[in-house]
Protein backbone atom coordinates (compact mmCIF):
# COMPACT_ATOMS: atom_id res chain seq x y z
CA MET A 1 95.83 11.16 -170.74
CA GLY A 2 96.26 10.73 -167.00
CA LEU A 3 98.44 8.19 -165.30
CA SER A 4 96.47 5.33 -163.70
CA ILE A 5 98.08 2.77 -161.42
CA THR A 6 95.21 1.36 -159.38
CA GLY A 7 92.22 3.23 -160.80
CA ASN A 8 91.82 5.13 -157.51
CA PRO A 9 93.26 8.67 -157.87
CA VAL A 10 93.87 9.11 -154.12
CA LEU A 11 95.74 5.81 -153.85
CA ASP A 12 97.64 6.58 -157.06
CA PHE A 13 98.74 9.91 -155.59
CA VAL A 14 100.04 8.17 -152.43
CA ILE A 15 101.94 5.62 -154.52
CA ILE A 16 103.49 8.38 -156.62
CA GLN A 17 104.65 10.28 -153.55
CA THR A 18 105.99 7.19 -151.80
CA THR A 19 107.78 5.92 -154.90
CA SER A 20 109.26 9.35 -155.57
CA ILE A 21 110.79 9.57 -152.11
CA LEU A 22 112.03 5.97 -152.17
CA TYR A 23 113.86 6.46 -155.46
CA LEU A 24 114.71 10.17 -155.52
CA SER A 25 115.62 10.97 -151.94
CA GLU A 26 119.20 10.73 -150.78
CA ALA A 27 118.24 12.07 -147.34
CA ALA A 28 118.15 8.50 -146.13
CA LEU A 29 120.11 5.86 -144.24
CA PRO A 30 120.39 2.87 -146.61
CA LEU A 31 121.16 -0.71 -145.66
CA ILE A 32 124.54 -1.18 -147.34
CA LYS A 33 125.06 -4.96 -147.42
CA TRP A 34 121.45 -6.03 -147.81
CA GLN A 35 122.37 -8.74 -150.34
CA HIS A 36 124.29 -10.54 -147.57
CA SER A 37 121.50 -10.24 -145.00
CA GLU A 38 120.22 -13.27 -143.12
CA ASP A 39 116.71 -12.10 -144.03
CA ALA A 40 115.74 -13.72 -147.33
CA SER A 41 113.16 -11.02 -148.09
CA LEU A 42 115.88 -8.35 -147.84
CA ARG A 43 118.28 -10.33 -150.02
CA SER A 44 115.63 -10.66 -152.70
CA MET A 45 115.12 -6.91 -153.06
CA SER A 46 116.42 -5.56 -156.34
CA VAL A 47 117.09 -2.08 -154.94
CA GLN A 48 118.94 -0.96 -151.85
CA PRO A 49 116.45 -0.80 -148.94
CA ILE A 50 116.17 2.25 -146.69
CA ALA A 51 116.52 1.66 -142.94
CA ALA A 52 115.62 5.19 -141.84
CA TRP A 53 114.96 8.70 -143.13
CA TYR A 54 116.25 12.13 -142.30
CA GLU A 55 113.55 14.71 -141.71
CA LYS A 56 114.43 17.27 -144.36
CA ALA A 57 115.89 17.22 -147.84
CA ALA A 58 117.16 19.96 -150.11
CA GLY A 59 117.62 20.29 -153.86
CA THR A 60 116.25 18.38 -156.82
CA ARG A 61 118.15 15.24 -155.79
CA MET A 62 116.65 15.59 -152.31
CA LYS A 63 119.97 15.44 -150.50
CA LYS A 64 120.30 15.49 -146.73
CA THR A 65 120.46 19.00 -145.29
CA SER A 66 123.62 19.96 -143.44
CA LYS A 67 121.77 20.22 -140.11
CA ALA A 68 120.53 16.62 -140.24
CA ASP A 69 122.99 14.93 -137.89
CA ARG A 70 120.96 11.80 -137.21
CA PRO A 71 118.03 9.96 -138.77
CA CYS A 72 114.59 11.16 -137.74
CA LEU A 73 112.46 8.52 -136.00
CA LYS A 74 109.32 10.64 -136.41
CA THR A 75 109.76 10.72 -140.18
CA THR A 76 110.63 7.02 -140.24
CA GLY A 77 107.58 6.22 -138.11
CA PHE A 78 105.29 7.92 -140.64
CA SER A 79 107.08 6.02 -143.41
CA ILE A 80 106.34 2.73 -141.61
CA GLN A 81 102.67 3.73 -141.48
CA VAL A 82 102.49 4.41 -145.21
CA LEU A 83 104.41 1.34 -146.35
CA SER A 84 102.45 -0.94 -144.02
CA ARG A 85 99.09 0.48 -145.08
CA LEU A 86 99.99 0.21 -148.76
CA ALA A 87 100.92 -3.44 -148.25
CA ALA A 88 97.54 -4.03 -146.60
CA ILE A 89 95.43 -2.01 -149.06
CA LEU A 90 96.91 -2.82 -152.48
CA PRO A 91 95.79 -6.50 -152.58
CA ASP A 92 92.21 -5.18 -152.75
CA TYR A 93 92.96 -3.32 -156.00
CA ARG A 94 93.56 -4.60 -159.48
CA LEU A 95 96.61 -2.88 -160.89
CA GLU A 96 95.38 -1.57 -164.23
CA SER A 97 98.63 -0.62 -165.91
CA CYS A 98 102.02 -2.03 -166.76
CA LEU A 99 103.28 1.03 -164.91
CA ALA A 100 102.44 -0.80 -161.68
CA LYS A 101 105.28 -3.32 -161.97
CA PRO A 102 107.63 -1.53 -159.52
CA PHE A 103 104.99 -1.59 -156.78
CA SER A 104 105.51 -4.85 -154.92
CA ASN A 105 103.57 -5.51 -151.72
CA MET A 106 106.46 -7.60 -150.45
CA GLU A 107 108.91 -4.74 -150.92
CA TRP A 108 106.60 -2.28 -149.13
CA LYS A 109 106.29 -4.73 -146.23
CA THR A 110 109.97 -5.69 -146.12
CA THR A 111 111.06 -2.05 -146.05
CA ALA A 112 108.54 -1.26 -143.30
CA ALA A 113 109.85 -4.20 -141.25
CA LEU A 114 113.44 -3.05 -141.67
CA GLN A 115 112.58 0.50 -140.61
CA LEU A 116 110.59 -0.66 -137.60
CA GLN A 117 113.44 -2.89 -136.48
CA TYR A 118 115.86 0.01 -136.85
CA CYS A 119 113.67 2.36 -134.80
CA LEU A 120 113.12 -0.16 -132.00
CA GLU A 121 116.87 -0.74 -131.71
CA TYR A 122 117.72 2.95 -132.01
CA GLN A 123 115.43 4.12 -129.21
CA LYS A 124 117.11 1.67 -126.81
CA GLU A 125 120.49 3.35 -127.24
CA TYR A 126 119.68 7.01 -127.85
CA THR A 127 117.46 9.59 -126.24
CA CYS A 128 114.35 10.22 -128.33
CA THR A 129 111.54 12.70 -128.00
CA ARG A 130 108.07 11.52 -127.07
CA GLU A 131 106.85 12.59 -130.51
CA GLU A 132 109.42 10.26 -132.10
CA LEU A 133 108.45 7.35 -129.85
CA ALA A 134 104.77 7.99 -130.54
CA SER A 135 105.33 7.99 -134.30
CA VAL A 136 107.17 4.65 -134.12
CA LEU A 137 104.48 3.07 -131.94
CA GLU A 138 101.72 4.23 -134.28
CA GLY A 139 103.68 2.96 -137.26
CA GLY A 140 104.19 -0.37 -135.50
CA ALA A 141 100.46 -0.72 -134.88
CA TYR A 142 99.79 -0.37 -138.61
CA PHE A 143 102.65 -2.74 -139.42
CA LEU A 144 101.05 -5.49 -137.35
CA GLN A 145 97.88 -5.01 -139.42
CA SER A 146 99.68 -5.42 -142.75
CA GLY A 147 99.15 -9.16 -143.03
CA ILE A 148 102.36 -10.49 -141.51
CA SER A 149 102.45 -14.00 -140.06
CA PRO A 150 101.83 -14.55 -136.31
CA ASP A 151 105.41 -15.75 -135.89
CA ASP A 152 106.82 -12.59 -137.47
CA ALA A 153 104.40 -10.41 -135.51
CA GLY A 154 105.66 -11.89 -132.27
CA ASP A 155 109.17 -10.65 -133.02
CA TYR A 156 107.90 -7.06 -133.04
CA GLN A 157 105.05 -7.28 -130.51
CA LEU A 158 107.40 -7.46 -127.53
CA GLY A 159 109.45 -4.45 -128.62
CA LEU A 160 106.36 -2.40 -129.37
CA GLN A 161 104.76 -3.33 -126.06
CA SER A 162 107.90 -2.14 -124.28
CA LEU A 163 107.73 1.09 -126.27
CA TYR A 164 104.06 1.49 -125.30
CA ASP A 165 104.88 0.92 -121.63
CA ASN A 166 107.60 3.54 -121.84
CA LEU A 167 105.34 6.03 -123.60
CA SER A 168 102.37 5.49 -121.29
CA ALA A 169 104.40 5.60 -118.10
CA GLU A 170 103.58 8.39 -115.67
CA ILE A 171 104.49 11.67 -117.34
CA ASP A 172 104.48 15.28 -116.30
CA THR A 173 101.97 16.83 -118.68
CA LEU A 174 103.04 20.30 -117.57
CA ARG A 175 106.34 19.74 -119.36
CA LEU A 176 104.81 18.72 -122.70
CA SER A 177 103.48 20.90 -125.49
CA THR A 178 99.95 20.39 -126.76
CA MET A 179 101.29 18.82 -129.95
CA GLU A 180 103.39 16.35 -127.97
CA LEU A 181 100.31 15.30 -126.02
CA ALA A 182 98.34 14.94 -129.27
CA CYS A 183 101.02 12.67 -130.76
CA ILE A 184 100.97 10.48 -127.65
CA ILE A 185 97.15 10.30 -127.75
CA ARG A 186 97.23 9.20 -131.41
CA ALA A 187 99.83 6.52 -130.76
CA ILE A 188 98.22 5.06 -127.65
CA SER A 189 94.81 5.01 -129.37
CA ALA A 190 96.26 3.17 -132.38
CA TRP A 191 98.08 0.65 -130.19
CA GLN A 192 95.11 -0.12 -127.96
CA LYS A 193 92.82 -0.58 -130.96
CA GLN A 194 95.39 -2.89 -132.54
CA ASN A 195 95.29 -4.98 -129.36
CA ASN A 196 91.46 -4.96 -129.26
CA VAL A 197 91.29 -2.99 -126.01
CA HIS A 198 87.70 -1.87 -125.46
CA GLN A 199 87.55 -0.67 -121.87
CA ARG A 200 87.95 2.98 -121.01
CA SER A 201 91.55 4.10 -120.57
CA GLY A 202 92.07 6.28 -117.51
CA PHE A 203 95.51 7.38 -118.69
CA LEU A 204 94.26 8.34 -122.14
CA THR A 205 91.29 10.16 -120.61
CA SER A 206 93.59 12.25 -118.42
CA LEU A 207 95.66 13.28 -121.44
CA VAL A 208 92.58 14.23 -123.46
CA LEU A 209 91.14 16.30 -120.62
CA GLU A 210 94.46 18.08 -120.23
CA VAL A 211 94.47 19.00 -123.92
CA LEU A 212 90.85 20.19 -123.79
CA ASN A 213 91.78 22.39 -120.85
CA ARG A 214 94.31 24.25 -122.97
CA LYS A 215 91.90 26.72 -124.50
CA ASN A 216 92.92 30.35 -124.97
CA ARG A 217 90.81 33.48 -125.26
CA SER A 218 90.14 32.79 -128.93
CA GLY A 219 88.72 29.38 -128.15
CA LEU A 220 91.65 27.53 -129.75
CA PHE A 221 94.37 25.26 -128.37
CA HIS A 222 97.43 26.68 -126.68
CA TYR A 223 100.75 26.08 -128.40
CA GLY A 224 102.34 25.24 -125.06
CA ILE A 225 101.26 24.49 -121.54
CA ASP A 226 100.01 27.99 -120.77
CA GLY A 227 99.75 31.51 -122.16
CA PHE A 228 97.59 32.71 -125.00
CA SER A 229 99.68 31.78 -128.01
CA SER A 230 97.68 29.51 -130.34
CA ALA A 231 99.07 26.47 -132.07
CA SER A 232 99.34 26.86 -135.85
CA MET A 233 96.24 26.18 -137.93
CA GLY A 234 97.53 22.83 -139.20
CA GLN A 235 98.33 21.78 -135.62
CA GLN A 236 94.81 22.75 -134.53
CA PHE A 237 93.37 20.23 -136.98
CA PHE A 238 95.95 17.60 -135.98
CA ILE A 239 95.09 17.97 -132.29
CA LEU A 240 91.35 17.79 -132.94
CA ASP A 241 91.83 14.67 -135.04
CA ALA A 242 93.92 13.03 -132.29
CA LEU A 243 91.13 13.65 -129.77
CA LEU A 244 88.53 12.18 -132.13
CA ARG A 245 90.67 9.06 -132.68
CA SER A 246 90.73 8.47 -128.92
CA TYR A 247 87.01 8.91 -128.32
CA THR A 248 86.03 5.23 -128.53
CA LEU A 249 88.52 4.55 -125.70
CA ILE A 250 87.13 7.38 -123.56
CA GLN A 251 83.41 7.48 -124.35
CA LEU A 252 82.58 10.65 -122.48
CA ASP A 253 79.89 12.79 -124.12
CA TYR A 254 81.52 15.85 -122.60
CA VAL A 255 84.71 15.18 -124.58
CA LEU A 256 82.86 14.95 -127.90
CA GLU A 257 80.88 18.10 -127.14
CA GLU A 258 84.08 19.98 -126.32
CA ILE A 259 85.73 18.76 -129.52
CA PHE A 260 82.86 20.08 -131.62
CA GLU A 261 82.96 23.38 -129.78
CA PHE A 262 86.67 23.67 -130.65
CA PHE A 263 85.83 22.80 -134.23
CA SER A 264 83.18 25.52 -134.42
CA ASN A 265 85.58 28.06 -132.87
CA LEU A 266 88.26 27.12 -135.36
CA TYR A 267 86.08 27.82 -138.36
CA GLN A 268 84.48 30.96 -136.98
CA ILE A 269 87.92 32.41 -136.32
CA ALA A 270 89.22 31.32 -139.70
CA TYR A 271 86.20 32.84 -141.37
CA VAL A 272 86.80 36.27 -139.84
CA ASP A 273 90.39 36.42 -141.02
CA ALA A 274 92.17 35.92 -137.68
CA PHE A 275 94.97 33.67 -138.99
CA ASP A 276 97.22 34.13 -142.01
CA LEU A 277 96.75 30.63 -143.41
CA PHE A 278 93.03 31.05 -143.84
CA ALA A 279 92.91 34.79 -144.47
CA PHE A 280 90.08 35.86 -146.76
CA LYS A 281 91.59 39.13 -147.91
CA ARG A 282 94.90 37.78 -149.19
CA LYS A 283 95.54 36.71 -152.76
CA SER A 284 97.36 33.55 -151.74
CA ILE A 285 96.37 30.69 -149.45
CA SER A 286 99.09 28.14 -148.80
CA TYR A 287 99.23 24.56 -147.53
CA THR A 288 102.10 22.42 -146.39
CA ALA A 289 101.80 18.65 -146.74
CA PHE A 290 101.22 18.51 -142.98
CA ASP A 291 98.43 21.10 -143.11
CA THR A 292 96.68 19.22 -145.90
CA GLY A 293 96.84 15.84 -144.16
CA ALA A 294 95.71 17.20 -140.79
CA LEU A 295 92.83 19.12 -142.38
CA LEU A 296 91.49 16.18 -144.39
CA THR A 297 91.62 13.55 -141.63
CA CYS A 298 90.11 15.92 -139.09
CA LEU A 299 87.20 16.72 -141.40
CA ASN A 300 86.76 13.02 -142.16
CA ASN A 301 86.44 12.19 -138.46
CA ILE A 302 84.20 15.20 -137.83
CA ALA A 303 81.86 13.83 -140.50
CA ARG A 304 82.00 10.40 -138.88
CA TYR A 305 80.64 11.79 -135.60
CA SER A 306 78.18 14.23 -137.16
CA ALA A 307 74.46 13.69 -136.70
CA ASP A 308 72.95 11.36 -139.30
CA GLN A 309 69.59 13.11 -139.31
CA SER A 310 71.08 16.26 -140.84
CA ASP A 311 72.85 16.76 -144.15
CA GLN A 312 76.04 18.02 -142.51
CA LYS A 313 77.81 14.66 -142.93
CA ALA A 314 77.16 14.77 -146.68
CA VAL A 315 78.21 18.42 -146.87
CA ILE A 316 81.56 17.76 -145.17
CA ASN A 317 82.24 14.61 -147.21
CA ASN A 318 81.45 16.51 -150.42
CA ILE A 319 83.88 19.23 -149.34
CA ILE A 320 86.60 16.64 -148.75
CA ASP A 321 85.97 14.97 -152.12
CA SER A 322 85.89 18.29 -154.01
CA PHE A 323 89.08 19.51 -152.38
CA LEU A 324 90.88 16.23 -153.09
CA GLU A 325 89.70 16.18 -156.70
CA PHE A 326 90.89 19.73 -157.23
CA LEU A 327 94.30 19.18 -155.59
CA ILE A 328 95.07 15.83 -157.25
CA GLN A 329 93.84 16.93 -160.67
CA SER A 330 96.10 19.97 -160.51
CA TYR A 331 99.03 17.81 -159.39
CA ASN A 332 98.52 15.33 -162.22
CA GLN A 333 98.29 18.07 -164.84
CA ASN A 334 101.61 19.49 -163.68
CA HIS A 335 103.54 16.27 -162.98
CA ASN A 336 102.18 13.49 -165.18
CA GLN A 337 105.04 13.50 -167.68
CA GLU A 338 107.69 13.85 -165.00
CA PHE A 339 106.44 10.79 -163.14
CA ARG A 340 106.36 8.78 -166.37
CA LYS A 341 109.98 9.75 -166.90
CA LEU A 342 110.81 8.60 -163.36
CA LEU A 343 109.03 5.29 -163.93
CA ARG A 344 110.98 4.61 -167.12
CA TRP A 345 114.22 5.11 -165.23
CA ILE A 346 113.02 2.86 -162.37
CA PHE A 347 112.31 0.02 -164.82
CA LEU A 348 115.76 0.31 -166.33
CA TYR A 349 117.47 0.68 -162.95
CA ARG A 350 115.79 -2.39 -161.48
CA GLU A 351 116.78 -4.42 -164.53
CA GLY A 352 120.40 -3.30 -164.26
CA LYS A 353 120.22 -1.24 -167.46
CA ALA A 354 120.62 2.14 -165.76
CA GLN A 355 122.62 3.51 -162.85
CA ILE A 356 121.96 5.94 -160.03
CA LYS A 357 123.85 8.63 -161.90
CA ASP A 358 121.25 8.32 -164.69
CA LYS A 359 118.45 9.32 -162.32
CA PRO A 360 116.25 11.81 -164.18
CA TYR A 361 115.77 15.44 -163.27
CA VAL A 362 112.17 15.37 -162.06
CA ARG A 363 110.26 17.14 -159.29
CA THR A 364 107.40 14.83 -158.40
CA VAL A 365 107.63 15.08 -154.60
CA PHE A 366 105.07 17.30 -152.86
CA PRO A 367 106.77 20.70 -152.35
CA LYS A 368 107.37 22.57 -149.11
CA ARG A 369 104.01 24.23 -149.65
CA VAL A 370 101.47 24.78 -152.39
CA ARG A 371 99.75 28.09 -152.94
CA LEU A 372 96.27 28.75 -154.24
CA MET A 373 96.31 32.00 -156.18
CA TYR A 374 93.31 34.34 -156.50
CA PRO A 375 91.20 35.92 -157.93
CA ARG A 376 91.95 33.52 -160.79
CA LEU A 377 92.08 30.02 -159.34
CA GLU A 378 95.56 28.59 -159.84
CA VAL A 379 97.78 26.23 -157.89
CA ASP A 380 101.43 27.16 -157.62
CA TRP A 381 103.62 24.02 -157.33
CA ASP A 382 106.80 26.05 -156.87
CA ARG A 383 109.74 23.95 -155.57
CA LYS A 384 111.49 26.63 -153.51
CA GLY A 385 112.39 25.67 -149.97
CA ILE A 386 113.54 22.57 -148.12
CA VAL A 387 111.19 19.59 -148.28
CA ASN A 388 109.99 17.98 -145.05
CA GLN A 389 109.87 14.25 -145.80
CA GLY A 390 108.04 13.52 -142.56
CA ASP A 391 105.19 15.84 -143.55
CA ILE A 392 104.84 14.12 -146.93
CA PHE A 393 104.63 10.67 -145.34
CA PHE A 394 102.09 12.07 -142.88
CA LEU A 395 100.01 13.40 -145.79
CA CYS A 396 100.17 9.99 -147.50
CA SER A 397 99.06 8.17 -144.34
CA SER A 398 96.23 10.69 -143.91
CA LEU A 399 95.03 10.08 -147.46
CA LEU A 400 95.08 6.33 -146.89
CA SER A 401 92.84 6.90 -143.87
CA LEU A 402 90.23 8.32 -146.24
CA LEU A 403 90.16 4.98 -148.05
CA ASP A 404 89.31 3.15 -144.84
CA GLU A 405 85.59 2.38 -145.12
CA GLU A 406 85.32 1.58 -141.44
CA SER A 407 86.53 5.09 -140.62
CA ARG A 408 84.40 6.83 -143.23
CA PHE A 409 81.12 5.02 -142.62
CA SER A 410 81.08 4.07 -138.93
CA PRO A 411 77.84 4.73 -137.02
CA ALA A 412 77.66 8.38 -136.01
CA ALA A 413 77.53 9.55 -132.43
CA GLY A 414 74.82 12.08 -133.17
CA ILE A 415 76.63 15.39 -132.56
CA LYS A 416 75.17 18.25 -134.57
CA LEU A 417 77.03 21.38 -135.64
CA ASP A 418 75.24 24.67 -135.28
CA ILE A 419 74.08 25.97 -138.66
CA SER A 420 76.32 29.06 -138.61
CA SER A 421 79.43 26.90 -138.22
CA LEU A 422 78.35 24.64 -141.06
CA ARG A 423 77.74 27.66 -143.29
CA SER A 424 81.15 29.03 -142.37
CA LEU A 425 82.69 25.67 -143.22
CA LYS A 426 81.05 25.54 -146.63
CA ALA A 427 81.84 29.19 -147.36
CA LEU A 428 85.47 28.63 -146.42
CA PHE A 429 85.93 25.73 -148.81
CA ASP A 430 83.85 27.29 -151.54
CA PHE A 431 86.35 30.09 -151.40
CA PHE A 432 89.27 27.66 -151.53
CA LEU A 433 87.83 25.89 -154.55
CA GLY A 434 86.67 29.01 -156.38
CA GLN A 435 83.09 27.75 -156.64
């Protein structure tokens, strides 16, 4: 019998991943004296809150790797996104099981607030990359949507506006990689939408046009500012998704047409075995958490802007649903008992009947990568390799985006894929799913 927390398998999966990291990971910067904090919501927490995360963790206890010399703001920014979105989404669901007791909206929100405050203070004193700043700004935009009071929002609005001003200041695009530009585009789009900005953004438009100009001979995005080296397949989807998120603030038909051309190129190249990740003649296809999240959200937004008069929107949405069902069902079959064991320990720990040293030996966190084995369809959940916590939080935030009805069912812009690309898309995922 499967584990049900909310009755929604996608949301349940996100909760399992988030809870697993919160309780299992020691690659974190905890708030030591939280019980003496001036913040009443922090004092009321029954477990030690986490102020920031390190990017990578090793071992079954998910300890900090030796190379992690400082907390990672990019990872923490994705964590803020997930915690904030959970706090906003969960009130709409009836928790169907007694297993849901550890999942408190107030604790999600309080932890997100603590992490956002830490990041805003940290970036004032230390040099941070633009990807880190972008992740924090995007996380802050979601935090302000999590149902906090206007008075509390004001405490963060000023700091986030300053961060936005810093991030959107005149930059030399020739010094930034394509991924860095994509992260900035995502963050600025999220912030402007949070602030109900509707007019076209000249700065955002210039960044998008720069990214679209970085096309190599294969018709894919450059990894850097020039040359012919392509970004990795997961990054290709991430970049496309960032451009789609910005479209309502640009509103140039040319941009949408170019995005769909990139999308068609991506699948045609994948279909003819040009990249290892999507090779058709190998017995193993692998996904990292980042690859999975970027793929799903990109496809979701492609469907959003697909032409309504064709069946391509339904085809893509069915592909997303089938892939998710397959992946989550396989995960549950392999980890259901382990997560139940973790939950039992959490109950006892929160009630003071168990200690940290009693933490169970479980492996419920999404691994470094999962492999789909062929010709017999199997998923390998092998735990070898260092876990990237930032990628897992990114996957969780991506999955929560699929639950956003406004994103999934917004009016389409009427772009139509050519039939060969759509066939390639369906053939590609039919192969993935063994149908």
